[in-house]
Amino acid sequence: MTRPALSSVAELLKPITWFPPMWAFACGVVASGGSFGDQWIAILLGLVLAGPLVCASSQAVNDWFDRHVDAINEPQRPIPSGRIPGQWGLYIAILWTGLSLLWAWYLSPWGFAAAGLGLVLAWAYSAPPFRLKQNGWWGNAACALSYEGLAWLTGAAVVLGDVLPHERSFVLALLFSLGAHGIMTLNDFKSIEGDQRMGVGSLPVRLGVNGAARTACLMMLAPQAVVVALLLTWQTPWHALAVMALMLGQLPLMYRFIQDPIGKALMLSAAGVPLFVSGMMVSAWALRIGHGVPA
């Protein structure tokens, strides 16, 4: 059997997608209130788990089960183009999933649980019989929870060991996961044709282009507004002001996006999402101050 080139395998694992869960993991580390110096090796190993392992596994799983849709939308991808031949896409997805679980097992009990749930959601998102991506509401929720919430909690768990993260950390992880639901919708605008032909019910297909654009913006903004209110309640007004400023910076970008959803989806992803994830880190530092650790 012909083996794929390493460059094609690397392309399948999509290193460009590793940043969001690695960033969320780092936010969880900060929010934990734990000592960085005592856990720096575990933190580095956890970053590898979040990005090159768990996220890469999800990308391989998705590309394998989406190969027929990708043949329409993006035929140059490794699997539909034939550069990952035969069943190799499936083999890589299984191998990377197993390696991720083994890696997580040696890091932290709660980190293993969070990583395991993330991998379960990754397979449920793409693979039958669940194939959650057939419904844009459920699919984007699973993806957002894996990329942001579970990665955040894994970061906190790696630092804290057997101790559960603070409940406020859980709340922020959930809120930013809800916001990431809107970010995931932005990715669906580039694949509308293939989704329609293959029966994938993404939000642009279900709600129409304009309805999905407005929904994505609302899903991004509403949780951030709740975060601002919570940070004020938690006596961190400067952090609340910073998150509010970052949120307001997204508004003009969203306005342009709503005027031309297909043409400006990439623009909002490139310019608006960094503002969103910056608010995540600001919020994590607010929790760290709440733990009594100097910022």
Protein backbone atom coordinates (compact mmCIF):
# COMPACT_ATOMS: atom_id res chain seq x y z
CA MET A 1 0.00 0.00 0.00
CA THR A 2 1.29 3.45 -0.92
CA ARG A 3 2.23 5.49 2.11
CA PRO A 4 1.48 9.22 2.31
CA ALA A 5 4.31 11.72 2.37
CA LEU A 6 5.04 13.31 5.74
CA SER A 7 4.24 16.73 4.27
CA SER A 8 0.74 15.49 3.38
CA VAL A 9 0.26 14.07 6.88
CA ALA A 10 1.30 17.41 8.36
CA GLU A 11 -1.18 19.17 6.10
CA LEU A 12 -3.91 16.76 7.20
CA LEU A 13 -3.24 17.59 10.87
CA LYS A 14 -3.57 21.34 10.09
CA PRO A 15 -1.06 23.08 12.40
CA ILE A 16 -2.75 26.44 11.73
CA THR A 17 -5.80 25.22 13.68
CA TRP A 18 -3.82 24.32 16.79
CA PHE A 19 -3.58 27.88 18.13
CA PRO A 20 -7.16 28.31 19.49
CA PRO A 21 -7.12 25.29 21.85
CA MET A 22 -3.52 26.00 22.87
CA TRP A 23 -4.52 29.58 23.69
CA ALA A 24 -7.56 28.37 25.65
CA PHE A 25 -5.31 25.91 27.49
CA ALA A 26 -3.00 28.80 28.40
CA CYS A 27 -6.01 30.78 29.66
CA GLY A 28 -6.92 27.86 31.91
CA VAL A 29 -3.37 27.73 33.24
CA VAL A 30 -3.51 31.43 34.13
CA ALA A 31 -7.00 31.21 35.62
CA SER A 32 -6.04 28.27 37.83
CA GLY A 33 -4.07 30.51 40.17
CA GLY A 34 -1.37 27.85 40.38
CA SER A 35 2.36 28.41 40.21
CA PHE A 36 3.82 28.45 36.69
CA GLY A 37 7.37 27.77 37.84
CA ASP A 38 6.51 24.53 39.61
CA GLN A 39 4.55 23.12 36.68
CA TRP A 40 6.30 24.42 33.56
CA ILE A 41 7.07 20.95 32.19
CA ALA A 42 3.46 19.83 32.67
CA ILE A 43 2.28 23.07 31.03
CA LEU A 44 4.47 22.49 27.98
CA LEU A 45 3.25 18.91 27.71
CA GLY A 46 -0.31 20.15 28.05
CA LEU A 47 0.14 22.64 25.21
CA VAL A 48 1.29 19.75 23.03
CA LEU A 49 -1.78 17.79 24.11
CA ALA A 50 -4.18 20.65 23.28
CA GLY A 51 -2.78 21.46 19.86
CA PRO A 52 -0.57 18.91 18.07
CA LEU A 53 -2.44 15.96 19.60
CA VAL A 54 -6.14 16.52 20.44
CA CYS A 55 -6.80 19.28 17.93
CA ALA A 56 -4.80 17.50 15.24
CA SER A 57 -6.77 14.32 15.93
CA SER A 58 -10.04 16.18 15.44
CA GLN A 59 -8.79 17.59 12.13
CA ALA A 60 -7.83 14.14 10.84
CA VAL A 61 -11.18 12.68 11.93
CA ASN A 62 -13.10 15.51 10.28
CA ASP A 63 -11.19 15.31 7.01
CA TRP A 64 -11.71 11.56 6.75
CA PHE A 65 -15.45 11.64 7.27
CA ASP A 66 -15.81 14.85 5.23
CA ARG A 67 -13.82 13.59 2.26
CA HIS A 68 -16.87 13.50 -0.03
CA VAL A 69 -17.89 17.07 0.88
CA ASP A 70 -14.29 18.25 0.55
CA ALA A 71 -14.15 16.73 -2.93
CA ILE A 72 -16.69 19.43 -3.87
CA ASN A 73 -15.58 22.37 -1.70
CA GLU A 74 -11.82 21.87 -1.44
CA PRO A 75 -10.65 19.05 -3.74
CA GLN A 76 -7.01 20.04 -3.18
CA ARG A 77 -7.08 18.74 0.41
CA PRO A 78 -4.84 15.72 1.15
CA ILE A 79 -7.57 13.04 1.19
CA PRO A 80 -9.77 14.00 -1.79
CA SER A 81 -6.67 14.86 -3.83
CA GLY A 82 -5.29 11.35 -3.26
CA ARG A 83 -2.14 12.52 -1.47
CA ILE A 84 -3.42 10.61 1.58
CA PRO A 85 -4.34 7.38 -0.23
CA GLY A 86 -6.63 4.50 0.67
CA GLN A 87 -7.57 4.18 4.34
CA TRP A 88 -4.59 6.13 5.60
CA GLY A 89 -6.73 9.09 6.67
CA LEU A 90 -8.69 6.83 9.01
CA TYR A 91 -5.56 5.11 10.31
CA ILE A 92 -3.96 8.46 11.16
CA ALA A 93 -7.12 9.65 12.93
CA ILE A 94 -7.22 6.51 15.10
CA LEU A 95 -3.48 6.57 15.83
CA TRP A 96 -3.50 10.25 16.84
CA THR A 97 -6.56 9.73 19.04
CA GLY A 98 -4.87 6.87 20.88
CA LEU A 99 -1.66 8.85 21.29
CA SER A 100 -3.63 11.81 22.66
CA LEU A 101 -5.33 9.64 25.28
CA LEU A 102 -2.04 8.07 26.32
CA TRP A 103 -0.40 11.50 26.60
CA ALA A 104 -3.30 12.91 28.66
CA TRP A 105 -3.26 9.88 31.00
CA TYR A 106 0.21 10.82 32.26
CA LEU A 107 -0.58 14.51 32.76
CA SER A 108 -3.53 14.78 35.14
CA PRO A 109 -6.66 12.81 36.06
CA TRP A 110 -8.99 15.72 35.37
CA GLY A 111 -6.95 16.71 32.33
CA PHE A 112 -7.38 13.17 30.99
CA ALA A 113 -11.14 13.40 31.55
CA ALA A 114 -11.38 16.74 29.73
CA ALA A 115 -9.18 15.59 26.85
CA GLY A 116 -11.12 12.33 26.58
CA LEU A 117 -14.43 14.17 26.38
CA GLY A 118 -12.96 16.47 23.75
CA LEU A 119 -11.94 13.49 21.64
CA VAL A 120 -15.36 11.86 22.04
CA LEU A 121 -16.95 15.09 20.79
CA ALA A 122 -14.48 15.25 17.90
CA TRP A 123 -15.51 11.80 16.69
CA ALA A 124 -19.21 12.46 17.36
CA TYR A 125 -18.93 15.71 15.39
CA SER A 126 -17.72 14.04 12.21
CA ALA A 127 -18.43 10.31 12.35
CA PRO A 128 -21.68 8.38 11.95
CA PRO A 129 -24.00 7.51 13.53
CA PHE A 130 -23.98 10.83 15.43
CA ARG A 131 -22.27 13.12 12.88
CA LEU A 132 -23.26 16.19 14.87
CA LYS A 133 -22.11 18.50 12.11
CA GLN A 134 -25.24 17.53 10.18
CA ASN A 135 -26.95 20.01 12.52
CA GLY A 136 -25.12 23.33 12.72
CA TRP A 137 -26.42 24.03 16.21
CA TRP A 138 -25.18 20.79 17.75
CA GLY A 139 -22.06 20.46 15.64
CA ASN A 140 -20.76 23.96 16.31
CA ALA A 141 -21.54 23.54 20.02
CA ALA A 142 -19.48 20.34 20.20
CA CYS A 143 -16.60 21.92 18.32
CA ALA A 144 -16.65 25.13 20.36
CA LEU A 145 -16.76 23.26 23.66
CA SER A 146 -13.77 21.14 22.63
CA TYR A 147 -11.68 24.02 21.29
CA GLU A 148 -12.34 26.51 24.07
CA GLY A 149 -14.07 25.18 27.20
CA LEU A 150 -12.45 21.79 27.54
CA ALA A 151 -9.03 23.10 26.54
CA TRP A 152 -9.39 25.85 29.19
CA LEU A 153 -10.34 23.33 31.87
CA THR A 154 -7.53 21.00 30.81
CA GLY A 155 -5.05 23.83 31.35
CA ALA A 156 -6.39 24.49 34.83
CA ALA A 157 -6.45 20.79 35.66
CA VAL A 158 -2.84 20.21 34.59
CA VAL A 159 -1.67 22.90 37.02
CA LEU A 160 -3.97 21.92 39.90
CA GLY A 161 -3.52 18.14 39.62
CA ASP A 162 -6.23 16.32 41.57
CA VAL A 163 -7.98 19.54 42.62
CA LEU A 164 -10.96 20.72 40.57
CA PRO A 165 -10.67 24.20 39.02
CA HIS A 166 -12.59 27.02 40.71
CA GLU A 167 -16.25 27.27 39.74
CA ARG A 168 -15.62 30.69 38.20
CA SER A 169 -13.18 29.05 35.82
CA PHE A 170 -15.93 26.63 34.76
CA VAL A 171 -18.30 29.55 34.19
CA LEU A 172 -15.87 31.49 32.01
CA ALA A 173 -14.92 28.37 30.07
CA LEU A 174 -18.59 27.76 29.29
CA LEU A 175 -19.28 31.38 28.33
CA PHE A 176 -16.35 31.58 25.94
CA SER A 177 -17.39 28.23 24.49
CA LEU A 178 -20.80 29.74 23.73
CA GLY A 179 -19.07 32.66 22.07
CA ALA A 180 -16.92 30.29 20.05
CA HIS A 181 -20.12 28.77 18.64
CA GLY A 182 -20.41 31.94 16.57
CA ILE A 183 -16.78 31.69 15.51
CA MET A 184 -17.36 28.16 14.27
CA THR A 185 -20.26 29.43 12.14
CA LEU A 186 -17.85 31.78 10.37
CA ASN A 187 -16.01 28.74 9.01
CA ASP A 188 -19.20 27.41 7.41
CA PHE A 189 -19.62 30.24 4.92
CA LYS A 190 -16.83 28.90 2.71
CA SER A 191 -18.49 25.49 2.25
CA ILE A 192 -22.13 26.33 1.59
CA GLU A 193 -22.27 24.71 -1.86
CA GLY A 194 -20.87 21.37 -0.74
CA ASP A 195 -22.94 21.37 2.45
CA GLN A 196 -26.14 21.92 0.47
CA ARG A 197 -25.34 19.17 -2.03
CA MET A 198 -24.32 16.66 0.66
CA GLY A 199 -27.14 17.46 3.10
CA VAL A 200 -24.98 19.05 5.82
CA GLY A 201 -27.23 21.38 7.80
CA SER A 202 -24.75 24.11 8.69
CA LEU A 203 -26.28 27.34 9.97
CA PRO A 204 -25.78 29.17 6.64
CA VAL A 205 -27.73 26.33 5.01
CA ARG A 206 -30.42 26.21 7.73
CA LEU A 207 -30.87 29.92 8.39
CA GLY A 208 -29.73 31.40 5.11
CA VAL A 209 -26.61 33.50 4.68
CA ASN A 210 -27.99 36.64 6.35
CA GLY A 211 -29.67 34.82 9.23
CA ALA A 212 -26.53 32.82 9.98
CA ALA A 213 -24.39 35.97 9.90
CA ARG A 214 -26.57 37.74 12.46
CA THR A 215 -26.74 34.62 14.62
CA ALA A 216 -22.95 34.22 14.59
CA CYS A 217 -22.45 37.82 15.71
CA LEU A 218 -25.04 37.50 18.48
CA MET A 219 -23.49 34.25 19.69
CA MET A 220 -20.10 35.96 19.91
CA LEU A 221 -21.28 39.15 21.60
CA ALA A 222 -23.82 37.96 24.18
CA PRO A 223 -21.43 35.76 26.23
CA GLN A 224 -18.82 38.51 26.23
CA ALA A 225 -21.38 40.93 27.66
CA VAL A 226 -22.13 38.42 30.43
CA VAL A 227 -18.38 38.09 31.12
CA VAL A 228 -18.11 41.87 31.51
CA ALA A 229 -20.97 41.85 34.02
CA LEU A 230 -19.41 38.97 35.97
CA LEU A 231 -16.01 40.63 36.11
CA LEU A 232 -17.65 43.73 37.56
CA THR A 233 -19.41 41.55 40.13
CA TRP A 234 -16.09 39.88 40.97
CA GLN A 235 -14.51 43.26 41.75
CA THR A 236 -12.16 43.39 38.76
CA PRO A 237 -13.43 46.56 37.03
CA TRP A 238 -10.32 47.24 34.95
CA HIS A 239 -10.43 43.78 33.45
CA ALA A 240 -14.15 44.24 32.78
CA LEU A 241 -13.40 47.52 31.01
CA ALA A 242 -10.70 45.85 28.91
CA VAL A 243 -13.04 43.02 27.82
CA MET A 244 -15.72 45.58 26.99
CA ALA A 245 -13.27 47.57 24.85
CA LEU A 246 -12.25 44.41 22.99
CA MET A 247 -15.91 43.54 22.46
CA LEU A 248 -16.71 47.02 21.12
CA GLY A 249 -13.77 46.70 18.74
CA GLN A 250 -15.53 43.75 17.12
CA LEU A 251 -18.70 45.72 16.32
CA PRO A 252 -17.54 47.57 13.18
CA LEU A 253 -16.07 44.34 11.83
CA MET A 254 -19.34 42.55 12.45
CA TYR A 255 -21.27 45.33 10.73
CA ARG A 256 -19.19 44.88 7.59
CA PHE A 257 -19.58 41.12 7.83
CA ILE A 258 -23.37 41.32 8.04
CA GLN A 259 -23.41 43.48 4.89
CA ASP A 260 -21.48 40.80 2.95
CA PRO A 261 -21.36 37.53 4.93
CA ILE A 262 -19.69 35.35 2.32
CA GLY A 263 -17.17 37.97 1.27
CA LYS A 264 -16.29 39.17 4.78
CA ALA A 265 -16.41 35.97 6.87
CA LEU A 266 -12.65 35.53 6.53
CA MET A 267 -12.13 39.19 7.47
CA LEU A 268 -14.08 38.80 10.70
CA SER A 269 -12.19 35.58 11.49
CA ALA A 270 -8.84 37.24 10.91
CA ALA A 271 -9.49 40.56 12.67
CA GLY A 272 -12.39 39.99 15.06
CA VAL A 273 -11.51 36.61 16.54
CA PRO A 274 -8.15 37.85 17.94
CA LEU A 275 -10.09 40.49 19.87
CA PHE A 276 -12.41 37.78 21.20
CA VAL A 277 -9.61 35.50 22.37
CA SER A 278 -7.72 38.45 23.88
CA GLY A 279 -10.76 38.93 26.11
CA MET A 280 -10.38 35.32 27.20
CA MET A 281 -6.88 35.95 28.49
CA VAL A 282 -7.87 39.20 30.19
CA SER A 283 -10.64 37.32 31.98
CA ALA A 284 -8.22 34.56 32.99
CA TRP A 285 -5.92 37.14 34.60
CA ALA A 286 -8.92 38.58 36.43
CA LEU A 287 -9.49 35.16 38.01
CA ARG A 288 -5.82 34.89 38.86
CA ILE A 289 -6.05 38.14 40.80
CA GLY A 290 -9.10 36.71 42.54
CA HIS A 291 -6.92 33.82 43.72
CA GLY A 292 -4.59 36.37 45.32
CA VAL A 293 -1.76 35.79 42.83
CA PRO A 294 -0.10 39.05 41.67
CA ALA A 295 -0.73 39.86 37.99
